[in-house]
């Protein structure tokens, strides 16, 4: 599965595995991968410097993507 395809998955969205054809999704803990992006957005709203806030948001989104791509496991989805 490509990294882009995995990054589009969520606990409620399943796709067919390219290898075996069975439905796969990501573990429910994937929702916690969004915490860095949330904190970056919070910093954007609270920061007095727009460039610092935007950098925090972009950094949070990049960290979220890395966590989701490399640390969140795929799971079989029987539902």
N, C-alpha and C. Protein backbone atom coordinates (compact mmCIF):
# COMPACT_ATOMS: atom_id res chain seq x y z
N UNK A 1 0.85 -1.17 0.00
CA UNK A 1 0.00 0.00 0.00
C UNK A 1 0.90 1.24 0.00
N UNK A 2 0.56 2.17 -0.82
CA UNK A 2 1.36 3.39 -0.89
C UNK A 2 1.14 4.23 0.37
N UNK A 3 2.11 5.08 0.67
CA UNK A 3 2.00 5.94 1.84
C UNK A 3 0.83 6.91 1.70
N UNK A 4 0.60 7.41 0.51
CA UNK A 4 -0.52 8.32 0.29
C UNK A 4 -1.85 7.63 0.54
N UNK A 5 -1.96 6.40 0.08
CA UNK A 5 -3.21 5.65 0.28
C UNK A 5 -3.43 5.35 1.76
N UNK A 6 -2.35 5.00 2.48
CA UNK A 6 -2.50 4.74 3.91
C UNK A 6 -2.85 6.01 4.65
N UNK A 7 -2.30 7.14 4.26
CA UNK A 7 -2.56 8.39 4.96
C UNK A 7 -4.02 8.82 4.82
N UNK A 8 -4.72 8.32 3.82
CA UNK A 8 -6.13 8.65 3.63
C UNK A 8 -7.05 7.75 4.45
N UNK A 9 -6.50 6.72 5.09
CA UNK A 9 -7.32 5.81 5.88
C UNK A 9 -7.60 6.38 7.25
N UNK A 10 -8.70 5.95 7.82
CA UNK A 10 -9.05 6.27 9.19
C UNK A 10 -9.70 5.06 9.81
N UNK A 11 -9.98 5.10 11.10
CA UNK A 11 -10.61 3.94 11.75
C UNK A 11 -11.96 3.57 11.14
N UNK A 12 -12.65 4.54 10.55
CA UNK A 12 -13.96 4.26 9.97
C UNK A 12 -13.93 4.05 8.47
N UNK A 13 -12.77 4.07 7.86
CA UNK A 13 -12.66 3.90 6.42
C UNK A 13 -11.76 2.71 6.10
N UNK A 14 -12.28 1.78 5.35
CA UNK A 14 -11.53 0.58 4.98
C UNK A 14 -11.39 0.51 3.46
N UNK A 15 -10.27 -0.05 3.03
CA UNK A 15 -10.03 -0.28 1.60
C UNK A 15 -9.56 -1.72 1.43
N UNK A 16 -9.59 -2.18 0.21
CA UNK A 16 -9.11 -3.53 -0.07
C UNK A 16 -7.58 -3.54 -0.12
N UNK A 17 -7.00 -4.53 0.55
CA UNK A 17 -5.55 -4.70 0.53
C UNK A 17 -5.12 -5.09 -0.88
N UNK A 18 -4.03 -4.48 -1.35
CA UNK A 18 -3.56 -4.78 -2.69
C UNK A 18 -2.93 -6.17 -2.77
N UNK A 19 -2.48 -6.71 -1.63
CA UNK A 19 -1.83 -8.01 -1.64
C UNK A 19 -2.83 -9.15 -1.53
N UNK A 20 -3.74 -9.07 -0.53
CA UNK A 20 -4.64 -10.20 -0.28
C UNK A 20 -6.08 -9.93 -0.68
N UNK A 21 -6.45 -8.68 -0.91
CA UNK A 21 -7.81 -8.34 -1.32
C UNK A 21 -8.80 -8.18 -0.18
N UNK A 22 -8.38 -8.44 1.07
CA UNK A 22 -9.28 -8.29 2.21
C UNK A 22 -9.32 -6.83 2.65
N UNK A 23 -10.39 -6.48 3.36
CA UNK A 23 -10.56 -5.11 3.84
C UNK A 23 -9.56 -4.82 4.96
N UNK A 24 -8.90 -3.67 4.87
CA UNK A 24 -8.00 -3.20 5.92
C UNK A 24 -8.33 -1.76 6.27
N UNK A 25 -8.02 -1.41 7.49
CA UNK A 25 -8.22 -0.06 8.00
C UNK A 25 -7.04 0.24 8.91
N UNK A 26 -7.08 1.35 9.62
CA UNK A 26 -6.05 1.64 10.60
C UNK A 26 -6.64 1.45 12.00
N UNK A 27 -5.76 1.24 12.95
CA UNK A 27 -6.16 1.04 14.34
C UNK A 27 -6.88 2.29 14.85
N UNK A 28 -7.80 2.10 15.79
CA UNK A 28 -8.57 3.24 16.32
C UNK A 28 -7.68 4.29 16.97
N UNK A 29 -6.51 3.89 17.43
CA UNK A 29 -5.60 4.84 18.07
C UNK A 29 -5.06 5.88 17.07
N UNK A 30 -5.36 5.72 15.79
CA UNK A 30 -4.91 6.67 14.78
C UNK A 30 -5.47 8.08 15.03
N UNK A 31 -6.57 8.17 15.75
CA UNK A 31 -7.13 9.50 16.03
C UNK A 31 -6.16 10.33 16.87
N UNK A 32 -5.31 9.68 17.67
CA UNK A 32 -4.34 10.41 18.49
C UNK A 32 -3.21 11.00 17.66
N UNK A 33 -3.03 10.54 16.43
CA UNK A 33 -2.01 11.09 15.55
C UNK A 33 -2.32 12.54 15.19
N UNK A 34 -3.57 12.95 15.35
CA UNK A 34 -3.98 14.31 15.01
C UNK A 34 -3.62 15.33 16.10
N UNK A 35 -3.15 14.88 17.24
CA UNK A 35 -2.84 15.80 18.34
C UNK A 35 -1.80 16.84 17.94
N UNK A 36 -0.69 16.48 17.27
CA UNK A 36 0.27 17.53 16.88
C UNK A 36 -0.34 18.60 15.96
N UNK A 37 -1.20 18.21 15.05
CA UNK A 37 -1.85 19.19 14.16
C UNK A 37 -2.79 20.09 14.96
N UNK A 38 -3.51 19.50 15.90
CA UNK A 38 -4.39 20.28 16.76
C UNK A 38 -3.59 21.30 17.56
N UNK A 39 -2.47 20.85 18.15
CA UNK A 39 -1.64 21.77 18.94
C UNK A 39 -1.02 22.86 18.07
N UNK A 40 -0.65 22.52 16.84
CA UNK A 40 -0.14 23.52 15.91
C UNK A 40 -1.20 24.57 15.58
N UNK A 41 -2.43 24.13 15.37
CA UNK A 41 -3.53 25.06 15.12
C UNK A 41 -3.82 25.93 16.32
N UNK A 42 -3.73 25.35 17.50
CA UNK A 42 -3.92 26.12 18.72
C UNK A 42 -2.84 27.19 18.86
N UNK A 43 -1.61 26.80 18.54
CA UNK A 43 -0.52 27.77 18.61
C UNK A 43 -0.71 28.88 17.57
N UNK A 44 -1.22 28.52 16.40
CA UNK A 44 -1.50 29.53 15.37
C UNK A 44 -2.50 30.56 15.89
N UNK A 45 -3.53 30.09 16.58
CA UNK A 45 -4.54 31.00 17.10
C UNK A 45 -4.02 31.85 18.25
N UNK A 46 -3.14 31.29 19.07
CA UNK A 46 -2.67 31.99 20.27
C UNK A 46 -1.41 32.82 20.03
N UNK A 47 -0.68 32.55 18.96
CA UNK A 47 0.59 33.22 18.72
C UNK A 47 0.38 34.66 18.28
N UNK A 48 1.27 35.53 18.76
CA UNK A 48 1.23 36.92 18.33
C UNK A 48 1.97 37.12 17.02
N UNK A 49 2.73 36.11 16.61
CA UNK A 49 3.49 36.18 15.37
C UNK A 49 2.88 35.21 14.36
N UNK A 50 2.37 35.73 13.27
CA UNK A 50 1.75 34.89 12.25
C UNK A 50 2.73 33.87 11.65
N UNK A 51 3.96 34.26 11.30
CA UNK A 51 4.89 33.25 10.76
C UNK A 51 5.19 32.10 11.73
N UNK A 52 5.31 32.42 13.02
CA UNK A 52 5.55 31.37 14.02
C UNK A 52 4.33 30.45 14.11
N UNK A 53 3.15 31.03 14.10
CA UNK A 53 1.91 30.23 14.16
C UNK A 53 1.76 29.33 12.95
N UNK A 54 2.04 29.86 11.76
CA UNK A 54 1.94 29.06 10.54
C UNK A 54 2.97 27.94 10.56
N UNK A 55 4.19 28.25 11.03
CA UNK A 55 5.23 27.23 11.12
C UNK A 55 4.81 26.12 12.09
N UNK A 56 4.18 26.50 13.20
CA UNK A 56 3.71 25.50 14.16
C UNK A 56 2.63 24.62 13.55
N UNK A 57 1.72 25.21 12.81
CA UNK A 57 0.66 24.44 12.17
C UNK A 57 1.23 23.49 11.12
N UNK A 58 2.10 23.98 10.27
CA UNK A 58 2.71 23.14 9.23
C UNK A 58 3.52 22.02 9.87
N UNK A 59 4.29 22.36 10.90
CA UNK A 59 5.05 21.33 11.61
C UNK A 59 4.16 20.29 12.23
N UNK A 60 3.06 20.72 12.84
CA UNK A 60 2.11 19.78 13.44
C UNK A 60 1.49 18.84 12.42
N UNK A 61 1.15 19.39 11.26
CA UNK A 61 0.56 18.55 10.20
C UNK A 61 1.58 17.55 9.67
N UNK A 62 2.83 17.99 9.52
CA UNK A 62 3.88 17.07 9.05
C UNK A 62 4.14 15.95 10.07
N UNK A 63 4.17 16.32 11.34
CA UNK A 63 4.37 15.30 12.39
C UNK A 63 3.19 14.34 12.41
N UNK A 64 1.97 14.86 12.27
CA UNK A 64 0.79 14.01 12.23
C UNK A 64 0.89 13.02 11.07
N UNK A 65 1.29 13.50 9.91
CA UNK A 65 1.43 12.61 8.76
C UNK A 65 2.47 11.54 8.97
N UNK A 66 3.58 11.90 9.59
CA UNK A 66 4.63 10.92 9.86
C UNK A 66 4.16 9.87 10.86
N UNK A 67 3.48 10.30 11.91
CA UNK A 67 2.96 9.35 12.90
C UNK A 67 1.96 8.40 12.24
N UNK A 68 1.04 8.97 11.49
CA UNK A 68 0.00 8.15 10.85
C UNK A 68 0.61 7.17 9.85
N UNK A 69 1.61 7.61 9.12
CA UNK A 69 2.20 6.78 8.09
C UNK A 69 3.10 5.68 8.66
N UNK A 70 3.93 6.02 9.62
CA UNK A 70 4.96 5.09 10.07
C UNK A 70 4.66 4.37 11.39
N UNK A 71 3.76 4.89 12.22
CA UNK A 71 3.52 4.29 13.53
C UNK A 71 2.15 3.65 13.69
N UNK A 72 1.16 4.11 12.95
CA UNK A 72 -0.19 3.57 13.09
C UNK A 72 -0.31 2.28 12.28
N UNK A 73 -0.65 1.17 12.94
CA UNK A 73 -0.70 -0.09 12.23
C UNK A 73 -1.98 -0.28 11.42
N UNK A 74 -1.85 -1.06 10.36
CA UNK A 74 -3.03 -1.50 9.61
C UNK A 74 -3.66 -2.66 10.34
N UNK A 75 -4.97 -2.74 10.30
CA UNK A 75 -5.71 -3.84 10.94
C UNK A 75 -6.74 -4.38 9.95
N UNK A 76 -7.06 -5.63 10.12
CA UNK A 76 -8.10 -6.24 9.29
C UNK A 76 -9.45 -5.65 9.69
N UNK A 77 -10.29 -5.36 8.74
CA UNK A 77 -11.60 -4.79 8.99
C UNK A 77 -12.64 -5.78 8.49
N UNK A 78 -13.28 -6.47 9.42
CA UNK A 78 -14.27 -7.48 9.07
C UNK A 78 -15.66 -6.89 8.92
N UNK A 79 -15.80 -5.61 9.28
CA UNK A 79 -17.13 -5.00 9.30
C UNK A 79 -17.55 -4.45 8.04
